[in-house]
N, C-alpha and C. Protein backbone atom coordinates (compact mmCIF):
# COMPACT_ATOMS: atom_id res chain seq x y z
N MET A 1 2.78 -6.76 -8.42
CA MET A 1 1.40 -6.81 -7.98
C MET A 1 1.07 -5.51 -7.25
N MET A 2 -0.03 -4.90 -7.62
CA MET A 2 -0.44 -3.67 -6.96
C MET A 2 -1.18 -3.99 -5.67
N GLN A 3 -0.87 -3.24 -4.65
CA GLN A 3 -1.52 -3.41 -3.36
C GLN A 3 -2.70 -2.46 -3.23
N ARG A 4 -3.45 -2.63 -2.16
CA ARG A 4 -4.65 -1.84 -1.92
C ARG A 4 -4.39 -0.35 -2.05
N GLY A 5 -3.37 0.16 -1.38
CA GLY A 5 -3.07 1.59 -1.43
C GLY A 5 -2.63 2.04 -2.80
N ASP A 6 -1.93 1.16 -3.52
CA ASP A 6 -1.47 1.50 -4.87
C ASP A 6 -2.65 1.69 -5.80
N VAL A 7 -3.62 0.82 -5.71
CA VAL A 7 -4.81 0.91 -6.57
C VAL A 7 -5.58 2.19 -6.24
N GLN A 8 -5.70 2.49 -4.96
CA GLN A 8 -6.41 3.71 -4.56
C GLN A 8 -5.68 4.95 -5.09
N MET A 9 -4.36 4.96 -5.00
CA MET A 9 -3.59 6.10 -5.49
C MET A 9 -3.72 6.22 -7.00
N TRP A 10 -3.66 5.08 -7.68
CA TRP A 10 -3.80 5.08 -9.14
C TRP A 10 -5.13 5.71 -9.55
N GLU A 11 -6.21 5.26 -8.88
CA GLU A 11 -7.54 5.78 -9.20
C GLU A 11 -7.64 7.27 -8.90
N LYS A 12 -7.03 7.71 -7.82
CA LYS A 12 -7.08 9.13 -7.44
C LYS A 12 -6.36 9.99 -8.48
N VAL A 13 -5.16 9.57 -8.89
CA VAL A 13 -4.40 10.33 -9.89
C VAL A 13 -5.15 10.33 -11.22
N LYS A 14 -5.68 9.19 -11.62
CA LYS A 14 -6.41 9.09 -12.89
C LYS A 14 -7.66 9.97 -12.88
N ALA A 15 -8.38 10.01 -11.73
CA ALA A 15 -9.59 10.81 -11.64
C ALA A 15 -9.28 12.31 -11.75
N SER A 16 -8.15 12.74 -11.17
CA SER A 16 -7.83 14.16 -11.25
C SER A 16 -7.14 14.55 -12.55
N ASN A 17 -6.69 13.54 -13.31
CA ASN A 17 -6.02 13.81 -14.59
C ASN A 17 -6.49 12.79 -15.62
N PRO A 18 -7.75 12.87 -16.08
CA PRO A 18 -8.30 11.84 -16.96
C PRO A 18 -7.58 11.70 -18.30
N SER A 19 -6.84 12.70 -18.71
CA SER A 19 -6.16 12.60 -20.01
C SER A 19 -4.81 11.90 -19.91
N MET A 20 -4.36 11.61 -18.70
CA MET A 20 -3.05 10.96 -18.52
C MET A 20 -3.09 9.51 -18.98
N GLY A 21 -1.99 9.08 -19.57
CA GLY A 21 -1.84 7.69 -19.95
C GLY A 21 -1.19 6.89 -18.82
N VAL A 22 -1.00 5.62 -19.06
CA VAL A 22 -0.44 4.71 -18.05
C VAL A 22 0.94 5.18 -17.58
N CYS A 23 1.81 5.51 -18.53
CA CYS A 23 3.17 5.93 -18.18
C CYS A 23 3.17 7.23 -17.38
N GLU A 24 2.31 8.15 -17.75
CA GLU A 24 2.24 9.43 -17.03
C GLU A 24 1.72 9.25 -15.61
N ILE A 25 0.74 8.38 -15.45
CA ILE A 25 0.21 8.11 -14.11
C ILE A 25 1.29 7.47 -13.25
N SER A 26 2.02 6.51 -13.81
CA SER A 26 3.11 5.87 -13.06
C SER A 26 4.16 6.88 -12.65
N ALA A 27 4.51 7.79 -13.57
CA ALA A 27 5.51 8.82 -13.26
C ALA A 27 5.01 9.75 -12.15
N ALA A 28 3.74 10.11 -12.20
CA ALA A 28 3.16 11.00 -11.18
C ALA A 28 3.18 10.32 -9.82
N ILE A 29 2.82 9.04 -9.77
CA ILE A 29 2.83 8.31 -8.50
C ILE A 29 4.26 8.19 -7.98
N GLY A 30 5.21 7.97 -8.88
CA GLY A 30 6.62 7.92 -8.49
C GLY A 30 7.09 9.22 -7.88
N ARG A 31 6.68 10.34 -8.49
CA ARG A 31 7.04 11.65 -7.92
C ARG A 31 6.44 11.83 -6.53
N LEU A 32 5.18 11.44 -6.37
CA LEU A 32 4.54 11.55 -5.06
C LEU A 32 5.26 10.71 -4.02
N TRP A 33 5.71 9.51 -4.40
CA TRP A 33 6.44 8.63 -3.48
C TRP A 33 7.76 9.28 -3.06
N ARG A 34 8.48 9.85 -4.02
CA ARG A 34 9.76 10.47 -3.70
C ARG A 34 9.59 11.68 -2.79
N GLU A 35 8.44 12.33 -2.85
CA GLU A 35 8.19 13.50 -2.01
C GLU A 35 7.77 13.13 -0.58
N LEU A 36 7.39 11.88 -0.36
CA LEU A 36 7.00 11.45 0.99
C LEU A 36 8.20 11.47 1.93
N GLY A 37 7.93 11.77 3.18
CA GLY A 37 8.98 11.72 4.19
C GLY A 37 9.24 10.28 4.62
N PRO A 38 10.32 10.05 5.33
CA PRO A 38 10.68 8.69 5.75
C PRO A 38 9.63 8.02 6.63
N GLU A 39 8.97 8.79 7.48
CA GLU A 39 7.95 8.20 8.35
C GLU A 39 6.75 7.70 7.55
N ASP A 40 6.32 8.50 6.57
CA ASP A 40 5.19 8.09 5.73
C ASP A 40 5.55 6.87 4.88
N LYS A 41 6.79 6.86 4.37
CA LYS A 41 7.22 5.70 3.59
C LYS A 41 7.26 4.44 4.46
N GLN A 42 7.74 4.58 5.70
CA GLN A 42 7.80 3.42 6.59
C GLN A 42 6.41 2.91 6.92
N ARG A 43 5.49 3.83 7.14
CA ARG A 43 4.10 3.43 7.43
C ARG A 43 3.51 2.65 6.25
N HIS A 44 3.73 3.15 5.03
CA HIS A 44 3.25 2.46 3.83
C HIS A 44 3.88 1.07 3.73
N ASN A 45 5.20 0.99 3.95
CA ASN A 45 5.88 -0.30 3.87
C ASN A 45 5.39 -1.27 4.94
N ASP A 46 5.10 -0.76 6.14
CA ASP A 46 4.56 -1.61 7.21
C ASP A 46 3.20 -2.16 6.81
N GLU A 47 2.34 -1.32 6.26
CA GLU A 47 1.02 -1.77 5.83
C GLU A 47 1.13 -2.79 4.70
N TYR A 48 2.07 -2.56 3.78
CA TYR A 48 2.29 -3.51 2.68
C TYR A 48 2.71 -4.87 3.23
N THR A 49 3.65 -4.86 4.18
CA THR A 49 4.13 -6.11 4.77
C THR A 49 3.00 -6.85 5.47
N LEU A 50 2.18 -6.11 6.22
CA LEU A 50 1.05 -6.74 6.90
C LEU A 50 0.07 -7.34 5.90
N ASP A 51 -0.25 -6.60 4.86
CA ASP A 51 -1.17 -7.12 3.83
C ASP A 51 -0.59 -8.37 3.18
N LYS A 52 0.71 -8.37 2.94
CA LYS A 52 1.36 -9.52 2.32
C LYS A 52 1.27 -10.75 3.22
N VAL A 53 1.54 -10.57 4.50
CA VAL A 53 1.46 -11.69 5.45
C VAL A 53 0.03 -12.17 5.59
N LEU A 54 -0.90 -11.23 5.68
CA LEU A 54 -2.29 -11.60 5.95
C LEU A 54 -3.01 -12.17 4.74
N SER A 55 -2.45 -12.00 3.55
CA SER A 55 -3.10 -12.57 2.37
C SER A 55 -2.61 -13.98 2.08
N CYS A 56 -1.77 -14.50 2.93
CA CYS A 56 -1.23 -15.84 2.75
C CYS A 56 -2.35 -16.88 2.80
N SER A 57 -2.40 -17.73 1.78
CA SER A 57 -3.47 -18.73 1.73
C SER A 57 -3.14 -19.97 2.56
N THR A 58 -1.89 -20.15 2.92
CA THR A 58 -1.48 -21.31 3.73
C THR A 58 -0.81 -20.83 5.01
N CYS A 59 -1.52 -20.01 5.76
CA CYS A 59 -0.95 -19.40 6.96
C CYS A 59 -0.64 -20.44 8.04
N VAL A 60 0.47 -20.24 8.70
CA VAL A 60 0.84 -21.06 9.85
C VAL A 60 0.20 -20.43 11.08
N PRO A 61 0.12 -21.15 12.20
CA PRO A 61 -0.53 -20.60 13.40
C PRO A 61 -0.01 -19.24 13.84
N ALA A 62 1.29 -19.00 13.71
CA ALA A 62 1.83 -17.70 14.12
C ALA A 62 1.26 -16.58 13.25
N GLN A 63 1.06 -16.85 11.97
CA GLN A 63 0.48 -15.83 11.09
C GLN A 63 -0.98 -15.59 11.43
N LEU A 64 -1.69 -16.64 11.80
CA LEU A 64 -3.09 -16.48 12.19
C LEU A 64 -3.20 -15.64 13.46
N ALA A 65 -2.27 -15.85 14.40
CA ALA A 65 -2.27 -15.05 15.62
C ALA A 65 -1.95 -13.59 15.29
N PHE A 66 -1.03 -13.40 14.37
CA PHE A 66 -0.67 -12.06 13.94
C PHE A 66 -1.86 -11.37 13.30
N ARG A 67 -2.62 -12.10 12.53
CA ARG A 67 -3.83 -11.56 11.89
C ARG A 67 -4.79 -11.04 12.94
N ALA A 68 -4.86 -11.72 14.08
CA ALA A 68 -5.80 -11.34 15.13
C ALA A 68 -5.47 -9.97 15.73
N VAL A 69 -4.20 -9.55 15.67
CA VAL A 69 -3.81 -8.28 16.29
C VAL A 69 -3.49 -7.20 15.26
N LYS A 70 -3.83 -7.42 14.00
CA LYS A 70 -3.50 -6.46 12.95
C LYS A 70 -4.03 -5.06 13.25
N SER A 71 -5.25 -4.96 13.67
CA SER A 71 -5.84 -3.64 13.88
C SER A 71 -5.11 -2.88 14.99
N ASP A 72 -4.60 -3.58 15.99
CA ASP A 72 -3.84 -2.93 17.06
C ASP A 72 -2.52 -2.40 16.51
N ILE A 73 -1.89 -3.14 15.65
CA ILE A 73 -0.59 -2.73 15.10
C ILE A 73 -0.75 -1.52 14.20
N LEU A 74 -1.79 -1.50 13.38
CA LEU A 74 -1.97 -0.40 12.44
C LEU A 74 -2.46 0.88 13.08
N SER A 75 -2.87 0.82 14.33
CA SER A 75 -3.42 2.03 14.95
C SER A 75 -2.36 2.85 15.66
N TYR A 76 -1.08 2.71 15.28
CA TYR A 76 -0.03 3.49 15.93
C TYR A 76 0.00 4.87 15.44
């Protein structure tokens, strides 16, 4: 499943390279990911985890409380 940032990156790569096919876009995004530093990768993974938790359709009270402080966590 593609996440919010993945879709945005896909659209950005496709817009700058309209002749690229699906496989080429995937390869380009993979290269960009490998070039990221550990801090940037961790930030992306943290945002992915938050999105995954917050998209839960059957959230427990602890998840709802976590949702309330999401903006504070992401502003690091």
